[in-house]
PDB file of N, CA and C in Angstrom:
ATOM      1  N   UNK A   1      31.291  16.507 -24.737  1.00  0.00           N
ATOM      2  CA  UNK A   1      30.712  14.926 -24.270  1.00  0.00           C
ATOM      3  C   UNK A   1      29.725  14.359 -25.393  1.00  0.00           C
ATOM      4  N   UNK A   2      29.908  13.120 -25.866  1.00  0.00           N
ATOM      5  CA  UNK A   2      28.838  12.882 -26.746  1.00  0.00           C
ATOM      6  C   UNK A   2      27.124  12.401 -26.172  1.00  0.00           C
ATOM      7  N   UNK A   3      26.588  12.595 -27.455  1.00  0.00           N
ATOM      8  CA  UNK A   3      25.117  12.228 -26.957  1.00  0.00           C
ATOM      9  C   UNK A   3      24.807  10.649 -26.052  1.00  0.00           C
ATOM     10  N   UNK A   4      25.227  10.320 -26.390  1.00  0.00           N
ATOM     11  CA  UNK A   4      25.140   8.690 -25.820  1.00  0.00           C
ATOM     12  C   UNK A   4      25.652   9.000 -24.167  1.00  0.00           C
ATOM     13  N   UNK A   5      26.987   9.802 -23.850  1.00  0.00           N
ATOM     14  CA  UNK A   5      27.438  10.171 -22.534  1.00  0.00           C
ATOM     15  C   UNK A   5      26.731  11.140 -21.738  1.00  0.00           C
ATOM     16  N   UNK A   6      25.896  11.932 -22.260  1.00  0.00           N
ATOM     17  CA  UNK A   6      24.748  12.371 -21.751  1.00  0.00           C
ATOM     18  C   UNK A   6      23.530  11.996 -21.086  1.00  0.00           C
ATOM     19  N   UNK A   7      23.491  11.289 -22.082  1.00  0.00           N
ATOM     20  CA  UNK A   7      21.768  10.288 -22.244  1.00  0.00           C
ATOM     21  C   UNK A   7      22.093   9.513 -20.575  1.00  0.00           C
ATOM     22  N   UNK A   8      23.045   8.902 -20.932  1.00  0.00           N
ATOM     23  CA  UNK A   8      23.516   7.598 -19.754  1.00  0.00           C
ATOM     24  C   UNK A   8      23.760   8.358 -18.317  1.00  0.00           C
ATOM     25  N   UNK A   9      24.355   9.391 -18.535  1.00  0.00           N
ATOM     26  CA  UNK A   9      24.406  10.352 -17.477  1.00  0.00           C
ATOM     27  C   UNK A   9      22.901  10.880 -16.519  1.00  0.00           C
ATOM     28  N   UNK A  10      22.180  11.461 -17.891  1.00  0.00           N
ATOM     29  CA  UNK A  10      20.974  11.637 -17.665  1.00  0.00           C
ATOM     30  C   UNK A  10      19.854  10.793 -16.675  1.00  0.00           C
ATOM     31  N   UNK A  11      20.527   9.363 -17.405  1.00  0.00           N
ATOM     32  CA  UNK A  11      19.591   8.754 -16.718  1.00  0.00           C
ATOM     33  C   UNK A  11      19.881   7.868 -15.216  1.00  0.00           C
ATOM     34  N   UNK A  12      21.031   8.155 -15.244  1.00  0.00           N
ATOM     35  CA  UNK A  12      21.706   7.903 -13.967  1.00  0.00           C
ATOM     36  C   UNK A  12      21.426   8.669 -12.980  1.00  0.00           C
ATOM     37  N   UNK A  13      21.299  10.159 -13.221  1.00  0.00           N
ATOM     38  CA  UNK A  13      20.981  11.073 -12.532  1.00  0.00           C
ATOM     39  C   UNK A  13      19.403  10.657 -12.306  1.00  0.00           C
ATOM     40  N   UNK A  14      18.526  10.390 -13.295  1.00  0.00           N
ATOM     41  CA  UNK A  14      16.917  10.464 -12.801  1.00  0.00           C
ATOM     42  C   UNK A  14      16.992   9.345 -12.020  1.00  0.00           C
ATOM     43  N   UNK A  15      17.793   8.119 -11.791  1.00  0.00           N
ATOM     44  CA  UNK A  15      17.704   6.723 -11.023  1.00  0.00           C
ATOM     45  C   UNK A  15      17.683   7.434  -9.823  1.00  0.00           C
ATOM     46  N   UNK A  16      18.545   7.887  -9.492  1.00  0.00           N
ATOM     47  CA  UNK A  16      19.348   8.504  -7.762  1.00  0.00           C
ATOM     48  C   UNK A  16      17.955   9.494  -7.426  1.00  0.00           C
ATOM     49  N   UNK A  17      17.852  10.540  -8.699  1.00  0.00           N
ATOM     50  CA  UNK A  17      16.665  11.150  -7.768  1.00  0.00           C
ATOM     51  C   UNK A  17      15.202  10.585  -7.429  1.00  0.00           C
ATOM     52  N   UNK A  18      15.085   9.569  -8.468  1.00  0.00           N
ATOM     53  CA  UNK A  18      13.783   8.624  -7.456  1.00  0.00           C
ATOM     54  C   UNK A  18      13.881   7.910  -6.708  1.00  0.00           C
ATOM     55  N   UNK A  19      15.235   7.533  -6.656  1.00  0.00           N
ATOM     56  CA  UNK A  19      15.743   6.506  -5.270  1.00  0.00           C
ATOM     57  C   UNK A  19      15.454   7.240  -4.232  1.00  0.00           C
ATOM     58  N   UNK A  20      15.798   8.599  -4.186  1.00  0.00           N
ATOM     59  CA  UNK A  20      15.910   9.649  -2.819  1.00  0.00           C
ATOM     60  C   UNK A  20      14.541   9.954  -2.290  1.00  0.00           C
ATOM     61  N   UNK A  21      13.894  10.364  -3.502  1.00  0.00           N
ATOM     62  CA  UNK A  21      12.534  10.909  -3.235  1.00  0.00           C
ATOM     63  C   UNK A  21      11.587   9.508  -2.575  1.00  0.00           C
ATOM     64  N   UNK A  22      11.768   7.972  -2.980  1.00  0.00           N
ATOM     65  CA  UNK A  22      11.096   7.234  -2.542  1.00  0.00           C
ATOM     66  C   UNK A  22      11.453   7.070  -1.134  1.00  0.00           C
ATOM     67  N   UNK A  23      12.865   6.877  -0.754  1.00  0.00           N
ATOM     68  CA  UNK A  23      13.442   6.521   0.221  1.00  0.00           C
ATOM     69  C   UNK A  23      12.732   7.436   1.375  1.00  0.00           C
ATOM     70  N   UNK A  24      12.962   8.692   1.293  1.00  0.00           N
ATOM     71  CA  UNK A  24      12.479   9.862   2.061  1.00  0.00           C
ATOM     72  C   UNK A  24      10.706   9.523   2.457  1.00  0.00           C
ATOM     73  N   UNK A  25      10.133   9.214   1.349  1.00  0.00           N
ATOM     74  CA  UNK A  25       8.354   8.774   1.808  1.00  0.00           C
ATOM     75  C   UNK A  25       8.299   7.651   2.569  1.00  0.00           C
ATOM     76  N   UNK A  26       9.302   6.416   2.636  1.00  0.00           N
ATOM     77  CA  UNK A  26       9.347   5.176   3.504  1.00  0.00           C
ATOM     78  C   UNK A  26       9.937   5.470   4.650  1.00  0.00           C
ATOM     79  N   UNK A  27      10.570   6.546   4.727  1.00  0.00           N
ATOM     80  CA  UNK A  27      11.326   6.657   6.017  1.00  0.00           C
ATOM     81  C   UNK A  27      10.208   7.448   6.975  1.00  0.00           C
ATOM     82  N   UNK A  28       9.475   8.152   6.405  1.00  0.00           N
ATOM     83  CA  UNK A  28       8.523   9.125   6.924  1.00  0.00           C
ATOM     84  C   UNK A  28       7.116   8.359   7.699  1.00  0.00           C
ATOM     85  N   UNK A  29       6.866   6.915   6.750  1.00  0.00           N
ATOM     86  CA  UNK A  29       5.926   6.166   7.222  1.00  0.00           C
ATOM     87  C   UNK A  29       4.641   7.050   6.714  1.00  0.00           C
ATOM     88  N   UNK A  30       4.932   7.848   6.022  1.00  0.00           N
ATOM     89  CA  UNK A  30       3.434   8.239   5.263  1.00  0.00           C
ATOM     90  C   UNK A  30       2.350   7.622   4.476  1.00  0.00           C
ATOM     91  N   UNK A  31       1.000   7.865   4.088  1.00  0.00           N
ATOM     92  CA  UNK A  31       0.460   7.155   3.828  1.00  0.00           C
ATOM     93  C   UNK A  31      -0.379   8.289   2.759  1.00  0.00           C
ATOM     94  N   UNK A  32      -0.531   7.700   1.536  1.00  0.00           N
ATOM     95  CA  UNK A  32      -0.986   8.497   0.655  1.00  0.00           C
ATOM     96  C   UNK A  32      -2.543   8.647   0.965  1.00  0.00           C
ATOM     97  N   UNK A  33      -3.108   7.970   1.855  1.00  0.00           N
ATOM     98  CA  UNK A  33      -4.746   8.233   1.996  1.00  0.00           C
ATOM     99  C   UNK A  33      -4.408   8.395   3.828  1.00  0.00           C
ATOM    100  N   UNK A  34      -3.454   8.619   4.361  1.00  0.00           N
ATOM    101  CA  UNK A  34      -3.531   8.662   6.085  1.00  0.00           C
ATOM    102  C   UNK A  34      -4.250   7.769   6.662  1.00  0.00           C
ATOM    103  N   UNK A  35      -4.564   6.472   6.157  1.00  0.00           N
ATOM    104  CA  UNK A  35      -5.080   5.114   6.722  1.00  0.00           C
ATOM    105  C   UNK A  35      -3.811   4.532   6.516  1.00  0.00           C
ATOM    106  N   UNK A  36      -3.443   3.324   7.418  1.00  0.00           N
ATOM    107  CA  UNK A  36      -2.391   2.627   7.115  1.00  0.00           C
ATOM    108  C   UNK A  36      -2.416   1.310   7.839  1.00  0.00           C
ATOM    109  N   UNK A  37      -2.928   0.266   7.743  1.00  0.00           N
ATOM    110  CA  UNK A  37      -3.416  -0.992   8.401  1.00  0.00           C
ATOM    111  C   UNK A  37      -2.203  -1.987   8.400  1.00  0.00           C
ATOM    112  N   UNK A  38      -2.291  -2.995   9.638  1.00  0.00           N
ATOM    113  CA  UNK A  38      -1.782  -4.438  10.405  1.00  0.00           C
ATOM    114  C   UNK A  38      -2.437  -5.202   9.768  1.00  0.00           C
ATOM    115  N   UNK A  39      -2.421  -6.142   9.121  1.00  0.00           N
ATOM    116  CA  UNK A  39      -2.817  -7.576   9.413  1.00  0.00           C
ATOM    117  C   UNK A  39      -2.750  -8.055  10.595  1.00  0.00           C
ATOM    118  N   UNK A  40      -3.799  -8.782  11.354  1.00  0.00           N
ATOM    119  CA  UNK A  40      -3.674  -9.256  12.345  1.00  0.00           C
ATOM    120  C   UNK A  40      -4.248 -11.243  12.189  1.00  0.00           C
ATOM    121  N   UNK A  41      -4.719 -11.507  11.047  1.00  0.00           N
ATOM    122  CA  UNK A  41      -5.023 -12.819  10.853  1.00  0.00           C
ATOM    123  C   UNK A  41      -3.649 -13.342  10.266  1.00  0.00           C
ATOM    124  N   UNK A  42      -3.452 -14.462  10.167  1.00  0.00           N
ATOM    125  CA  UNK A  42      -2.343 -15.563  10.142  1.00  0.00           C
ATOM    126  C   UNK A  42      -2.420 -15.322   8.534  1.00  0.00           C
ATOM    127  N   UNK A  43      -3.399 -15.139   7.645  1.00  0.00           N
ATOM    128  CA  UNK A  43      -3.920 -14.876   6.258  1.00  0.00           C
ATOM    129  C   UNK A  43      -5.043 -14.468   6.004  1.00  0.00           C
ATOM    130  N   UNK A  44      -4.829 -13.278   5.391  1.00  0.00           N
ATOM    131  CA  UNK A  44      -6.051 -12.073   5.210  1.00  0.00           C
ATOM    132  C   UNK A  44      -6.681 -12.434   3.679  1.00  0.00           C
ATOM    133  N   UNK A  45      -7.549 -12.581   3.160  1.00  0.00           N
ATOM    134  CA  UNK A  45      -7.813 -12.609   1.797  1.00  0.00           C
ATOM    135  C   UNK A  45      -8.462 -11.441   1.605  1.00  0.00           C
ATOM    136  N   UNK A  46      -7.820 -11.053  -0.027  1.00  0.00           N
ATOM    137  CA  UNK A  46      -8.531  -9.701  -0.129  1.00  0.00           C
ATOM    138  C   UNK A  46      -9.380  -9.690  -1.521  1.00  0.00           C
ATOM    139  N   UNK A  47     -10.641  -9.546  -1.285  1.00  0.00           N
ATOM    140  CA  UNK A  47     -12.027  -9.380  -2.299  1.00  0.00           C
ATOM    141  C   UNK A  47     -11.710  -8.681  -3.361  1.00  0.00           C
ATOM    142  N   UNK A  48     -12.269  -8.636  -4.304  1.00  0.00           N
ATOM    143  CA  UNK A  48     -12.747  -7.899  -5.133  1.00  0.00           C
ATOM    144  C   UNK A  48     -14.080  -6.824  -5.013  1.00  0.00           C
ATOM    145  N   UNK A  49     -14.828  -7.393  -3.882  1.00  0.00           N
ATOM    146  CA  UNK A  49     -15.786  -6.567  -3.688  1.00  0.00           C
ATOM    147  C   UNK A  49     -15.945  -6.173  -2.061  1.00  0.00           C
ATOM    148  N   UNK A  50     -16.876  -5.670  -1.145  1.00  0.00           N
ATOM    149  CA  UNK A  50     -16.811  -5.757   0.083  1.00  0.00           C
ATOM    150  C   UNK A  50     -17.933  -6.866  -0.035  1.00  0.00           C
ATOM    151  N   UNK A  51     -17.847  -7.982   0.056  1.00  0.00           N
ATOM    152  CA  UNK A  51     -18.653  -9.062   0.111  1.00  0.00           C
ATOM    153  C   UNK A  51     -17.924 -10.011   0.271  1.00  0.00           C
ATOM    154  N   UNK A  52     -18.271 -11.047   1.583  1.00  0.00           N
ATOM    155  CA  UNK A  52     -17.625 -11.977   1.730  1.00  0.00           C
ATOM    156  C   UNK A  52     -17.374 -13.738   1.220  1.00  0.00           C
ATOM    157  N   UNK A  53     -18.322 -13.601   0.149  1.00  0.00           N
ATOM    158  CA  UNK A  53     -18.331 -14.188  -1.219  1.00  0.00           C
ATOM    159  C   UNK A  53     -17.856 -13.914  -2.384  1.00  0.00           C
ATOM    160  N   UNK A  54     -17.547 -12.779  -2.332  1.00  0.00           N
ATOM    161  CA  UNK A  54     -16.765 -12.264  -3.642  1.00  0.00           C
ATOM    162  C   UNK A  54     -15.540 -12.927  -4.019  1.00  0.00           C
ATOM    163  N   UNK A  55     -15.134 -12.843  -5.150  1.00  0.00           N
ATOM    164  CA  UNK A  55     -13.863 -13.445  -5.719  1.00  0.00           C
ATOM    165  C   UNK A  55     -12.785 -13.265  -4.899  1.00  0.00           C
ATOM    166  N   UNK A  56     -11.863 -13.862  -4.811  1.00  0.00           N
ATOM    167  CA  UNK A  56     -10.574 -13.661  -3.686  1.00  0.00           C
ATOM    168  C   UNK A  56      -9.491 -13.139  -4.836  1.00  0.00           C
ATOM    169  N   UNK A  57      -8.986 -11.711  -4.997  1.00  0.00           N
ATOM    170  CA  UNK A  57      -7.716 -11.722  -5.619  1.00  0.00           C
ATOM    171  C   UNK A  57      -6.685 -11.189  -5.052  1.00  0.00           C
ATOM    172  N   UNK A  58      -6.226 -11.786  -4.122  1.00  0.00           N
ATOM    173  CA  UNK A  58      -5.066 -11.356  -3.309  1.00  0.00           C
ATOM    174  C   UNK A  58      -4.803 -11.834  -1.737  1.00  0.00           C
ATOM    175  N   UNK A  59      -3.894 -11.824  -1.129  1.00  0.00           N
ATOM    176  CA  UNK A  59      -3.968 -12.652   0.292  1.00  0.00           C
ATOM    177  C   UNK A  59      -2.801 -12.063   0.977  1.00  0.00           C
ATOM    178  N   UNK A  60      -2.943 -11.668   2.232  1.00  0.00           N
ATOM    179  CA  UNK A  60      -1.814 -10.804   3.113  1.00  0.00           C
ATOM    180  C   UNK A  60      -1.708 -11.879   4.257  1.00  0.00           C
ATOM    181  N   UNK A  61      -0.156 -11.606   4.625  1.00  0.00           N
ATOM    182  CA  UNK A  61      -0.138 -12.461   5.602  1.00  0.00           C
ATOM    183  C   UNK A  61      -0.035 -11.707   6.787  1.00  0.00           C
ATOM    184  N   UNK A  62       0.287 -12.538   8.078  1.00  0.00           N
ATOM    185  CA  UNK A  62       0.237 -11.824   9.302  1.00  0.00           C
ATOM    186  C   UNK A  62       1.255 -10.509   9.387  1.00  0.00           C
ATOM    187  N   UNK A  63       1.082  -9.284   9.740  1.00  0.00           N
ATOM    188  CA  UNK A  63       2.043  -8.201  10.344  1.00  0.00           C
ATOM    189  C   UNK A  63       2.184  -7.635   9.130  1.00  0.00           C
ATOM    190  N   UNK A  64       1.533  -7.830   7.936  1.00  0.00           N
ATOM    191  CA  UNK A  64       1.906  -7.172   6.805  1.00  0.00           C
ATOM    192  C   UNK A  64       1.340  -5.653   6.817  1.00  0.00           C
ATOM    193  N   UNK A  65       1.466  -4.990   6.153  1.00  0.00           N
ATOM    194  CA  UNK A  65       1.500  -3.391   6.505  1.00  0.00           C
ATOM    195  C   UNK A  65       1.005  -2.446   4.987  1.00  0.00           C
ATOM    196  N   UNK A  66      -0.140  -2.044   4.871  1.00  0.00           N
ATOM    197  CA  UNK A  66      -0.573  -1.315   3.690  1.00  0.00           C
ATOM    198  C   UNK A  66      -1.304  -0.275   3.496  1.00  0.00           C
ATOM    199  N   UNK A  67      -1.526   0.472   2.822  1.00  0.00           N
ATOM    200  CA  UNK A  67      -2.012   1.805   2.839  1.00  0.00           C
ATOM    201  C   UNK A  67      -3.841   1.035   2.653  1.00  0.00           C
ATOM    202  N   UNK A  68      -4.573   1.794   3.285  1.00  0.00           N
ATOM    203  CA  UNK A  68      -6.082   1.771   2.976  1.00  0.00           C
ATOM    204  C   UNK A  68      -6.846   2.725   2.419  1.00  0.00           C
ATOM    205  N   UNK A  69      -7.963   2.305   2.385  1.00  0.00           N
ATOM    206  CA  UNK A  69      -9.260   3.949   2.886  1.00  0.00           C
ATOM    207  C   UNK A  69      -9.716   4.159   3.893  1.00  0.00           C
ATOM    208  N   UNK A  70      -9.860   5.114   4.103  1.00  0.00           N
ATOM    209  CA  UNK A  70     -10.101   5.686   5.655  1.00  0.00           C
ATOM    210  C   UNK A  70     -11.961   4.698   5.441  1.00  0.00           C
ATOM    211  N   UNK A  71     -12.553   4.428   6.586  1.00  0.00           N
ATOM    212  CA  UNK A  71     -13.677   3.896   6.748  1.00  0.00           C
ATOM    213  C   UNK A  71     -13.657   2.690   6.190  1.00  0.00           C
ATOM    214  N   UNK A  72     -15.448   1.901   6.724  1.00  0.00           N
ATOM    215  CA  UNK A  72     -16.033   0.158   6.211  1.00  0.00           C
ATOM    216  C   UNK A  72     -17.235   0.324   5.783  1.00  0.00           C
ATOM    217  N   UNK A  73     -16.711  -0.594   5.339  1.00  0.00           N
ATOM    218  CA  UNK A  73     -18.387  -0.502   4.382  1.00  0.00           C
ATOM    219  C   UNK A  73     -18.602  -2.019   4.400  1.00  0.00           C
ATOM    220  N   UNK A  74     -19.641  -2.634   5.085  1.00  0.00           N
ATOM    221  CA  UNK A  74     -19.785  -4.020   5.057  1.00  0.00           C
ATOM    222  C   UNK A  74     -19.233  -4.806   5.835  1.00  0.00           C
ATOM    223  N   UNK A  75     -18.303  -4.055   6.465  1.00  0.00           N
ATOM    224  CA  UNK A  75     -17.477  -4.688   7.375  1.00  0.00           C
ATOM    225  C   UNK A  75     -16.260  -5.053   6.555  1.00  0.00           C
ATOM    226  N   UNK A  76     -16.154  -4.406   5.469  1.00  0.00           N
ATOM    227  CA  UNK A  76     -14.869  -4.274   4.762  1.00  0.00           C
ATOM    228  C   UNK A  76     -14.167  -2.914   4.570  1.00  0.00           C
ATOM    229  N   UNK A  77     -12.642  -3.479   4.135  1.00  0.00           N
ATOM    230  CA  UNK A  77     -11.958  -1.778   4.196  1.00  0.00           C
ATOM    231  C   UNK A  77     -11.564  -2.213   2.822  1.00  0.00           C
ATOM    232  N   UNK A  78     -11.752  -0.836   1.889  1.00  0.00           N
ATOM    233  CA  UNK A  78     -11.158  -0.910   0.603  1.00  0.00           C
ATOM    234  C   UNK A  78      -9.498  -0.398   0.559  1.00  0.00           C
ATOM    235  N   UNK A  79      -8.436  -1.347  -0.110  1.00  0.00           N
ATOM    236  CA  UNK A  79      -7.409  -1.401   0.037  1.00  0.00           C
ATOM    237  C   UNK A  79      -6.816  -0.949  -1.586  1.00  0.00           C
ATOM    238  N   UNK A  80      -7.348  -0.684  -2.638  1.00  0.00           N
ATOM    239  CA  UNK A  80      -7.144  -0.894  -3.934  1.00  0.00           C
ATOM    240  C   UNK A  80      -8.554  -0.698  -4.807  1.00  0.00           C
ATOM    241  N   UNK A  81      -8.403  -0.476  -5.990  1.00  0.00           N
ATOM    242  CA  UNK A  81      -9.895  -0.421  -6.961  1.00  0.00           C
ATOM    243  C   UNK A  81      -9.769  -2.005  -7.246  1.00  0.00           C
ATOM    244  N   UNK A  82     -10.868  -2.618  -6.702  1.00  0.00           N
ATOM    245  CA  UNK A  82     -11.317  -3.839  -6.659  1.00  0.00           C
ATOM    246  C   UNK A  82     -10.482  -4.780  -5.833  1.00  0.00           C
ATOM    247  N   UNK A  83     -10.126  -4.338  -4.449  1.00  0.00           N
ATOM    248  CA  UNK A  83      -9.577  -5.117  -3.310  1.00  0.00           C
ATOM    249  C   UNK A  83      -9.945  -4.575  -1.785  1.00  0.00           C
ATOM    250  N   UNK A  84     -10.931  -5.400  -1.673  1.00  0.00           N
ATOM    251  CA  UNK A  84     -11.205  -4.908  -0.520  1.00  0.00           C
ATOM    252  C   UNK A  84     -10.707  -6.488   0.759  1.00  0.00           C
ATOM    253  N   UNK A  85     -11.099  -5.928   1.947  1.00  0.00           N
ATOM    254  CA  UNK A  85     -10.048  -6.866   3.140  1.00  0.00           C
ATOM    255  C   UNK A  85     -11.129  -6.687   4.252  1.00  0.00           C
ATOM    256  N   UNK A  86     -11.417  -7.859   4.987  1.00  0.00           N
ATOM    257  CA  UNK A  86     -12.316  -7.779   6.239  1.00  0.00           C
ATOM    258  C   UNK A  86     -11.763  -7.156   7.375  1.00  0.00           C
ATOM    259  N   UNK A  87     -12.535  -5.995   7.704  1.00  0.00           N
ATOM    260  CA  UNK A  87     -11.641  -4.846   8.683  1.00  0.00           C
ATOM    261  C   UNK A  87     -11.368  -5.507   9.991  1.00  0.00           C
ATOM    262  N   UNK A  88     -12.433  -6.500  10.564  1.00  0.00           N
ATOM    263  CA  UNK A  88     -12.248  -6.998  11.525  1.00  0.00           C
ATOM    264  C   UNK A  88     -10.449  -7.482  11.422  1.00  0.00           C
ATOM    265  N   UNK A  89     -10.238  -8.120  10.546  1.00  0.00           N
ATOM    266  CA  UNK A  89      -8.559  -8.474  10.825  1.00  0.00           C
ATOM    267  C   UNK A  89      -7.597  -7.587  10.480  1.00  0.00           C
ATOM    268  N   UNK A  90      -8.092  -6.211  10.255  1.00  0.00           N
ATOM    269  CA  UNK A  90      -6.786  -5.391  10.302  1.00  0.00           C
ATOM    270  C   UNK A  90      -6.853  -4.220  11.576  1.00  0.00           C
ATOM    271  N   UNK A  91      -5.547  -3.843  12.033  1.00  0.00           N
ATOM    272  CA  UNK A  91      -5.660  -2.849  13.013  1.00  0.00           C
ATOM    273  C   UNK A  91      -4.806  -1.748  12.447  1.00  0.00           C
ATOM    274  N   UNK A  92      -5.558  -0.748  12.300  1.00  0.00           N
ATOM    275  CA  UNK A  92      -4.840   1.025  12.147  1.00  0.00           C
ATOM    276  C   UNK A  92      -3.354   0.847  12.667  1.00  0.00           C
ATOM    277  N   UNK A  93      -2.453   1.056  12.080  1.00  0.00           N
ATOM    278  CA  UNK A  93      -1.034   1.420  12.573  1.00  0.00           C
ATOM    279  C   UNK A  93      -0.972   2.881  13.097  1.00  0.00           C
ATOM    280  N   UNK A  94      -0.407   2.772  14.556  1.00  0.00           N
ATOM    281  CA  UNK A  94      -0.458   4.050  15.295  1.00  0.00           C
ATOM    282  C   UNK A  94      -0.510   5.458  14.734  1.00  0.00           C
ATOM    283  N   UNK A  95      -0.861   6.327  14.814  1.00  0.00           N
ATOM    284  CA  UNK A  95      -1.066   7.596  13.960  1.00  0.00           C
ATOM    285  C   UNK A  95      -1.571   7.866  12.854  1.00  0.00           C
ATOM    286  N   UNK A  96      -2.066   6.561  12.599  1.00  0.00           N
ATOM    287  CA  UNK A  96      -2.896   6.690  11.556  1.00  0.00           C
ATOM    288  C   UNK A  96      -4.511   7.138  11.524  1.00  0.00           C
ATOM    289  N   UNK A  97      -4.951   7.634  10.295  1.00  0.00           N
ATOM    290  CA  UNK A  97      -5.980   8.166  10.304  1.00  0.00           C
ATOM    291  C   UNK A  97      -7.241   7.088   9.546  1.00  0.00           C
ATOM    292  N   UNK A  98      -7.623   6.533  10.148  1.00  0.00           N
ATOM    293  CA  UNK A  98      -8.175   5.296   9.825  1.00  0.00           C
ATOM    294  C   UNK A  98      -9.838   5.423  10.015  1.00  0.00           C
TER     295      UNK A  98
END
């Protein structure tokens, strides 16, 4: 086999392995933080800090689900670095440890 064929074959195998690993995580519904929430508002603003006057850095629509950090600070739940949402408009997913 040529080097080019081996490289292509290796790339295909890598893509398949990554896909299978990711599909397994999605099927289990596992959360890296143990906390997964659902949005209960029509539109939920994500802010850059745990402050209702902080800059809006994103939006989530009703029924969106995403990982969050356990615990609430100042009425907000951290969902990523520099991204906080109002905890009152989220509901922990069943079996989640928020």
